[in-house]
């Protein structure tokens, strides 16, 4: 699980890369959950929260650039 401070320290390019990785992770976790091979279902929620953090920081930067 990533902290908001850690996310803000990354560059925009790194955030976009991280977002793609997290979405792949979420897909794989959902697939494992569907076939009952997921050990910790709470991991899905953690990945969703990380995706939201990354998207939030990207949006903040987008709005700061327009202002």
N, C-alpha and C. Protein backbone atom coordinates (compact mmCIF):
# COMPACT_ATOMS: atom_id res chain seq x y z
N UNK A 1 0.85 -1.17 0.00
CA UNK A 1 0.00 0.00 0.00
C UNK A 1 0.89 1.23 0.00
N UNK A 2 0.57 2.15 -0.91
CA UNK A 2 1.37 3.35 -1.06
C UNK A 2 0.77 4.48 -0.21
N UNK A 3 1.64 5.30 0.32
CA UNK A 3 1.21 6.48 1.06
C UNK A 3 1.06 7.63 0.08
N UNK A 4 0.21 8.60 0.40
CA UNK A 4 0.00 9.75 -0.46
C UNK A 4 1.30 10.53 -0.66
N UNK A 5 2.11 10.60 0.39
CA UNK A 5 3.39 11.31 0.30
C UNK A 5 4.30 10.64 -0.73
N UNK A 6 4.33 9.30 -0.73
CA UNK A 6 5.14 8.56 -1.68
C UNK A 6 4.67 8.81 -3.11
N UNK A 7 3.36 8.88 -3.30
CA UNK A 7 2.80 9.09 -4.63
C UNK A 7 3.18 10.48 -5.14
N UNK A 8 3.11 11.48 -4.27
CA UNK A 8 3.42 12.85 -4.68
C UNK A 8 4.90 13.04 -5.05
N UNK A 9 5.76 12.18 -4.54
CA UNK A 9 7.19 12.29 -4.83
C UNK A 9 7.54 11.76 -6.22
N UNK A 10 6.65 10.99 -6.84
CA UNK A 10 6.91 10.43 -8.16
C UNK A 10 6.65 11.47 -9.25
N UNK A 11 7.35 11.32 -10.37
CA UNK A 11 7.11 12.22 -11.50
C UNK A 11 5.81 11.81 -12.19
N UNK A 12 5.31 12.67 -13.06
CA UNK A 12 4.06 12.38 -13.77
C UNK A 12 4.20 11.14 -14.64
N UNK A 13 5.35 10.99 -15.28
CA UNK A 13 5.58 9.81 -16.12
C UNK A 13 5.59 8.54 -15.27
N UNK A 14 6.23 8.61 -14.11
CA UNK A 14 6.26 7.45 -13.21
C UNK A 14 4.86 7.12 -12.71
N UNK A 15 4.05 8.15 -12.47
CA UNK A 15 2.68 7.93 -12.00
C UNK A 15 1.86 7.22 -13.07
N UNK A 16 2.02 7.64 -14.31
CA UNK A 16 1.28 6.98 -15.39
C UNK A 16 1.69 5.51 -15.53
N UNK A 17 2.98 5.24 -15.39
CA UNK A 17 3.47 3.86 -15.43
C UNK A 17 2.91 3.06 -14.25
N UNK A 18 2.92 3.67 -13.07
CA UNK A 18 2.41 3.01 -11.87
C UNK A 18 0.92 2.70 -12.01
N UNK A 19 0.18 3.61 -12.63
CA UNK A 19 -1.26 3.42 -12.83
C UNK A 19 -1.51 2.20 -13.71
N UNK A 20 -0.75 2.06 -14.77
CA UNK A 20 -0.90 0.90 -15.66
C UNK A 20 -0.59 -0.39 -14.90
N UNK A 21 0.48 -0.37 -14.11
CA UNK A 21 0.85 -1.56 -13.32
C UNK A 21 -0.25 -1.93 -12.33
N UNK A 22 -0.79 -0.93 -11.66
CA UNK A 22 -1.84 -1.18 -10.66
C UNK A 22 -3.10 -1.74 -11.31
N UNK A 23 -3.44 -1.24 -12.48
CA UNK A 23 -4.63 -1.75 -13.18
C UNK A 23 -4.43 -3.21 -13.59
N UNK A 24 -3.21 -3.55 -14.01
CA UNK A 24 -2.91 -4.95 -14.35
C UNK A 24 -3.01 -5.82 -13.10
N UNK A 25 -2.48 -5.32 -11.98
CA UNK A 25 -2.56 -6.06 -10.72
C UNK A 25 -4.02 -6.30 -10.32
N UNK A 26 -4.84 -5.26 -10.45
CA UNK A 26 -6.25 -5.38 -10.09
C UNK A 26 -6.94 -6.42 -10.96
N UNK A 27 -6.65 -6.40 -12.26
CA UNK A 27 -7.23 -7.40 -13.16
C UNK A 27 -6.84 -8.81 -12.73
N UNK A 28 -5.56 -9.01 -12.44
CA UNK A 28 -5.09 -10.34 -12.02
C UNK A 28 -5.70 -10.77 -10.70
N UNK A 29 -5.85 -9.83 -9.77
CA UNK A 29 -6.47 -10.16 -8.48
C UNK A 29 -7.93 -10.56 -8.66
N UNK A 30 -8.64 -9.84 -9.51
CA UNK A 30 -10.05 -10.17 -9.77
C UNK A 30 -10.17 -11.54 -10.43
N UNK A 31 -9.24 -11.84 -11.33
CA UNK A 31 -9.25 -13.14 -11.99
C UNK A 31 -9.01 -14.26 -10.97
N UNK A 32 -8.02 -14.06 -10.11
CA UNK A 32 -7.74 -15.06 -9.07
C UNK A 32 -8.94 -15.22 -8.15
N UNK A 33 -9.61 -14.11 -7.83
CA UNK A 33 -10.77 -14.16 -6.95
C UNK A 33 -11.91 -14.95 -7.60
N UNK A 34 -12.06 -14.79 -8.91
CA UNK A 34 -13.14 -15.47 -9.63
C UNK A 34 -12.95 -16.98 -9.63
N UNK A 35 -11.71 -17.44 -9.64
CA UNK A 35 -11.45 -18.88 -9.65
C UNK A 35 -11.04 -19.40 -8.28
N UNK A 36 -11.33 -18.62 -7.26
CA UNK A 36 -11.09 -19.01 -5.86
C UNK A 36 -9.64 -19.35 -5.56
N UNK A 37 -8.70 -18.61 -6.13
CA UNK A 37 -7.29 -18.83 -5.83
C UNK A 37 -6.67 -17.66 -5.09
N UNK A 38 -7.48 -16.69 -4.69
CA UNK A 38 -6.97 -15.50 -4.02
C UNK A 38 -6.88 -15.76 -2.52
N UNK A 39 -5.67 -15.59 -1.97
CA UNK A 39 -5.47 -15.83 -0.54
C UNK A 39 -6.05 -14.73 0.31
N UNK A 40 -5.87 -13.46 -0.11
CA UNK A 40 -6.30 -12.32 0.69
C UNK A 40 -7.19 -11.39 -0.14
N UNK A 41 -8.51 -11.52 -0.04
CA UNK A 41 -9.42 -10.69 -0.82
C UNK A 41 -9.31 -9.20 -0.49
N UNK A 42 -8.78 -8.86 0.67
CA UNK A 42 -8.63 -7.45 1.04
C UNK A 42 -7.60 -6.74 0.15
N UNK A 43 -6.76 -7.51 -0.50
CA UNK A 43 -5.74 -6.94 -1.39
C UNK A 43 -6.40 -6.17 -2.55
N UNK A 44 -7.57 -6.62 -2.99
CA UNK A 44 -8.29 -5.94 -4.07
C UNK A 44 -8.61 -4.51 -3.65
N UNK A 45 -9.09 -4.33 -2.45
CA UNK A 45 -9.42 -2.99 -1.94
C UNK A 45 -8.19 -2.10 -1.83
N UNK A 46 -7.07 -2.69 -1.41
CA UNK A 46 -5.84 -1.91 -1.28
C UNK A 46 -5.38 -1.40 -2.64
N UNK A 47 -5.45 -2.25 -3.65
CA UNK A 47 -5.03 -1.85 -4.99
C UNK A 47 -5.97 -0.77 -5.52
N UNK A 48 -7.26 -0.89 -5.26
CA UNK A 48 -8.21 0.14 -5.69
C UNK A 48 -7.89 1.48 -5.05
N UNK A 49 -7.54 1.48 -3.79
CA UNK A 49 -7.18 2.71 -3.09
C UNK A 49 -5.91 3.32 -3.68
N UNK A 50 -4.94 2.48 -4.01
CA UNK A 50 -3.70 2.97 -4.62
C UNK A 50 -3.99 3.60 -5.98
N UNK A 51 -4.87 2.97 -6.76
CA UNK A 51 -5.25 3.54 -8.06
C UNK A 51 -5.89 4.91 -7.86
N UNK A 52 -6.76 5.02 -6.88
CA UNK A 52 -7.42 6.29 -6.60
C UNK A 52 -6.41 7.36 -6.18
N UNK A 53 -5.43 7.00 -5.37
CA UNK A 53 -4.40 7.96 -4.96
C UNK A 53 -3.62 8.48 -6.15
N UNK A 54 -3.22 7.57 -7.03
CA UNK A 54 -2.44 7.96 -8.21
C UNK A 54 -3.28 8.87 -9.11
N UNK A 55 -4.53 8.49 -9.34
CA UNK A 55 -5.41 9.31 -10.19
C UNK A 55 -5.64 10.69 -9.59
N UNK A 56 -5.76 10.75 -8.28
CA UNK A 56 -5.97 12.03 -7.60
C UNK A 56 -4.78 12.96 -7.80
N UNK A 57 -3.58 12.44 -7.62
CA UNK A 57 -2.37 13.26 -7.78
C UNK A 57 -2.23 13.70 -9.23
N UNK A 58 -2.51 12.80 -10.17
CA UNK A 58 -2.44 13.18 -11.59
C UNK A 58 -3.42 14.30 -11.91
N UNK A 59 -4.62 14.20 -11.37
CA UNK A 59 -5.63 15.23 -11.61
C UNK A 59 -5.23 16.56 -10.97
N UNK A 60 -4.67 16.51 -9.76
CA UNK A 60 -4.19 17.74 -9.10
C UNK A 60 -3.14 18.44 -9.96
N UNK A 61 -2.22 17.66 -10.51
CA UNK A 61 -1.18 18.23 -11.35
C UNK A 61 -1.75 18.80 -12.65
N UNK A 62 -2.75 18.12 -13.18
CA UNK A 62 -3.40 18.60 -14.42
C UNK A 62 -4.08 19.94 -14.17
N UNK A 63 -4.76 20.07 -13.06
CA UNK A 63 -5.45 21.32 -12.74
C UNK A 63 -4.46 22.43 -12.40
N UNK A 64 -3.36 22.07 -11.74
CA UNK A 64 -2.34 23.07 -11.39
C UNK A 64 -1.68 23.60 -12.65
N UNK A 65 -1.54 22.77 -13.67
CA UNK A 65 -0.92 23.20 -14.91
C UNK A 65 -1.80 24.14 -15.70
N UNK A 66 -3.12 24.00 -15.58
CA UNK A 66 -4.06 24.86 -16.30
C UNK A 66 -4.27 26.19 -15.60
N UNK A 67 -4.03 26.22 -14.30
CA UNK A 67 -4.31 27.45 -13.53
C UNK A 67 -3.26 28.53 -13.73
